[in-house]
Amino acid sequence: GHALRRASGAILLAGAAGGSGPLRRRAEIAGLAGEIEQQDAALGAVRAALAGSEARLIELERAAAASATNADQLRETARMAAARREDSARAV
């Protein structure tokens, strides 16, 4: 059957075909508790992977910014070298 877990921790079970005595309800609750633990563990793993991805993204963004700065500096150096060459060619 289906279950609904309230914020208070109460678990409401949808009636399933067949008997729904207290033993069946306890078994369903125990099964659902196991599923909740598995889902919580999976959620923890996803959160850890997300945190790792976010950290890697920050590293890559910093590296990209540093590369962009270096590229700008190299372009400026190349522009200045070309200007000096042109000045030297005019002087000759």
C-alpha atoms as a PDB file:
ATOM      1  CA  GLY A   1       0.000   0.000   0.000  1.00  0.00           C
ATOM      2  CA  HIS A   2       0.856   3.658  -0.057  1.00  0.00           C
ATOM      3  CA  ALA A   3       1.916   5.670   2.938  1.00  0.00           C
ATOM      4  CA  LEU A   4       1.960   9.310   3.888  1.00  0.00           C
ATOM      5  CA  ARG A   5       4.450  10.569   6.437  1.00  0.00           C
ATOM      6  CA  ARG A   6       3.388  13.733   8.238  1.00  0.00           C
ATOM      7  CA  ALA A   7       5.785  16.336   9.566  1.00  0.00           C
ATOM      8  CA  SER A   8       4.910  15.186  13.088  1.00  0.00           C
ATOM      9  CA  GLY A   9       6.334  11.757  12.242  1.00  0.00           C
ATOM     10  CA  ALA A  10       2.959  10.047  12.035  1.00  0.00           C
ATOM     11  CA  ILE A  11       2.643   7.553   9.197  1.00  0.00           C
ATOM     12  CA  LEU A  12      -0.753   7.128   7.566  1.00  0.00           C
ATOM     13  CA  LEU A  13      -1.190   3.935   5.574  1.00  0.00           C
ATOM     14  CA  ALA A  14      -3.637   3.618   2.694  1.00  0.00           C
ATOM     15  CA  GLY A  15      -5.839   0.566   3.067  1.00  0.00           C
ATOM     16  CA  ALA A  16      -4.668  -2.355   0.942  1.00  0.00           C
ATOM     17  CA  ALA A  17      -6.764  -5.248  -0.247  1.00  0.00           C
ATOM     18  CA  GLY A  18      -6.916  -7.999   2.320  1.00  0.00           C
ATOM     19  CA  GLY A  19      -6.641  -7.905   6.065  1.00  0.00           C
ATOM     20  CA  SER A  20      -5.318  -4.823   7.690  1.00  0.00           C
ATOM     21  CA  GLY A  21      -4.896  -5.897  11.261  1.00  0.00           C
ATOM     22  CA  PRO A  22      -2.345  -4.529  13.694  1.00  0.00           C
ATOM     23  CA  LEU A  23       0.333  -7.062  12.723  1.00  0.00           C
ATOM     24  CA  ARG A  24       0.044  -6.166   9.044  1.00  0.00           C
ATOM     25  CA  ARG A  25       0.177  -2.456   9.908  1.00  0.00           C
ATOM     26  CA  ARG A  26       3.300  -2.970  12.033  1.00  0.00           C
ATOM     27  CA  ALA A  27       4.940  -4.907   9.222  1.00  0.00           C
ATOM     28  CA  GLU A  28       4.065  -2.160   6.758  1.00  0.00           C
ATOM     29  CA  ILE A  29       5.412   0.498   9.106  1.00  0.00           C
ATOM     30  CA  ALA A  30       8.619  -1.483   9.617  1.00  0.00           C
ATOM     31  CA  GLY A  31       8.995  -1.848   5.849  1.00  0.00           C
ATOM     32  CA  LEU A  32       8.374   1.826   5.352  1.00  0.00           C
ATOM     33  CA  ALA A  33      10.874   2.713   8.059  1.00  0.00           C
ATOM     34  CA  GLY A  34      13.481   0.676   6.176  1.00  0.00           C
ATOM     35  CA  GLU A  35      12.606   2.449   2.937  1.00  0.00           C
ATOM     36  CA  ILE A  36      12.875   5.823   4.673  1.00  0.00           C
ATOM     37  CA  GLU A  37      16.335   4.912   5.986  1.00  0.00           C
ATOM     38  CA  GLN A  38      17.418   3.885   2.481  1.00  0.00           C
ATOM     39  CA  GLN A  39      16.070   7.094   0.991  1.00  0.00           C
ATOM     40  CA  ASP A  40      17.760   9.164   3.701  1.00  0.00           C
ATOM     41  CA  ALA A  41      21.052   7.412   2.959  1.00  0.00           C
ATOM     42  CA  ALA A  42      20.595   8.026  -0.766  1.00  0.00           C
ATOM     43  CA  LEU A  43      19.778  11.680  -0.063  1.00  0.00           C
ATOM     44  CA  GLY A  44      22.951  11.986   2.015  1.00  0.00           C
ATOM     45  CA  ALA A  45      25.005  10.533  -0.834  1.00  0.00           C
ATOM     46  CA  VAL A  46      23.428  12.943  -3.324  1.00  0.00           C
ATOM     47  CA  ARG A  47      24.074  15.891  -1.016  1.00  0.00           C
ATOM     48  CA  ALA A  48      27.718  14.843  -0.615  1.00  0.00           C
ATOM     49  CA  ALA A  49      28.100  14.521  -4.390  1.00  0.00           C
ATOM     50  CA  LEU A  50      26.497  17.935  -4.853  1.00  0.00           C
ATOM     51  CA  ALA A  51      28.865  19.510  -2.321  1.00  0.00           C
ATOM     52  CA  GLY A  52      31.821  17.951  -4.140  1.00  0.00           C
ATOM     53  CA  SER A  53      30.533  19.222  -7.473  1.00  0.00           C
ATOM     54  CA  GLU A  54      30.041  22.713  -6.077  1.00  0.00           C
ATOM     55  CA  ALA A  55      33.584  22.748  -4.689  1.00  0.00           C
ATOM     56  CA  ARG A  56      34.969  21.567  -8.040  1.00  0.00           C
ATOM     57  CA  LEU A  57      32.942  24.234  -9.857  1.00  0.00           C
ATOM     58  CA  ILE A  58      34.393  26.943  -7.602  1.00  0.00           C
ATOM     59  CA  GLU A  59      37.920  25.655  -8.347  1.00  0.00           C
ATOM     60  CA  LEU A  60      37.260  25.638 -12.086  1.00  0.00           C
ATOM     61  CA  GLU A  61      35.748  29.130 -12.012  1.00  0.00           C
ATOM     62  CA  ARG A  62      38.834  30.439 -10.199  1.00  0.00           C
ATOM     63  CA  ALA A  63      41.112  28.727 -12.718  1.00  0.00           C
ATOM     64  CA  ALA A  64      39.085  30.163 -15.600  1.00  0.00           C
ATOM     65  CA  ALA A  65      39.301  33.669 -14.121  1.00  0.00           C
ATOM     66  CA  ALA A  66      43.066  33.313 -13.664  1.00  0.00           C
ATOM     67  CA  SER A  67      43.425  32.046 -17.248  1.00  0.00           C
ATOM     68  CA  ALA A  68      41.380  34.978 -18.557  1.00  0.00           C
ATOM     69  CA  THR A  69      43.612  37.403 -16.645  1.00  0.00           C
ATOM     70  CA  ASN A  70      46.752  35.729 -18.020  1.00  0.00           C
ATOM     71  CA  ALA A  71      45.349  35.826 -21.550  1.00  0.00           C
ATOM     72  CA  ASP A  72      44.618  39.543 -21.185  1.00  0.00           C
ATOM     73  CA  GLN A  73      48.166  40.169 -19.964  1.00  0.00           C
ATOM     74  CA  LEU A  74      49.634  38.161 -22.854  1.00  0.00           C
ATOM     75  CA  ARG A  75      47.532  40.071 -25.401  1.00  0.00           C
ATOM     76  CA  GLU A  76      48.733  43.360 -23.925  1.00  0.00           C
ATOM     77  CA  THR A  77      52.351  42.169 -24.011  1.00  0.00           C
ATOM     78  CA  ALA A  78      51.954  41.064 -27.645  1.00  0.00           C
ATOM     79  CA  ARG A  79      50.348  44.408 -28.547  1.00  0.00           C
ATOM     80  CA  MET A  80      53.216  46.317 -26.922  1.00  0.00           C
ATOM     81  CA  ALA A  81      55.825  44.145 -28.689  1.00  0.00           C
ATOM     82  CA  ALA A  82      54.133  44.760 -32.050  1.00  0.00           C
ATOM     83  CA  ALA A  83      54.089  48.513 -31.351  1.00  0.00           C
ATOM     84  CA  ARG A  84      57.820  48.447 -30.523  1.00  0.00           C
ATOM     85  CA  ARG A  85      58.556  46.536 -33.747  1.00  0.00           C
ATOM     86  CA  GLU A  86      56.626  49.079 -35.749  1.00  0.00           C
ATOM     87  CA  ASP A  87      58.435  51.941 -34.012  1.00  0.00           C
ATOM     88  CA  SER A  88      61.811  50.288 -34.721  1.00  0.00           C
ATOM     89  CA  ALA A  89      60.912  49.766 -38.373  1.00  0.00           C
ATOM     90  CA  ARG A  90      59.966  53.436 -38.738  1.00  0.00           C
ATOM     91  CA  ALA A  91      63.220  54.557 -37.087  1.00  0.00           C
ATOM     92  CA  VAL A  92      65.324  52.667 -39.625  1.00  0.00           C
END
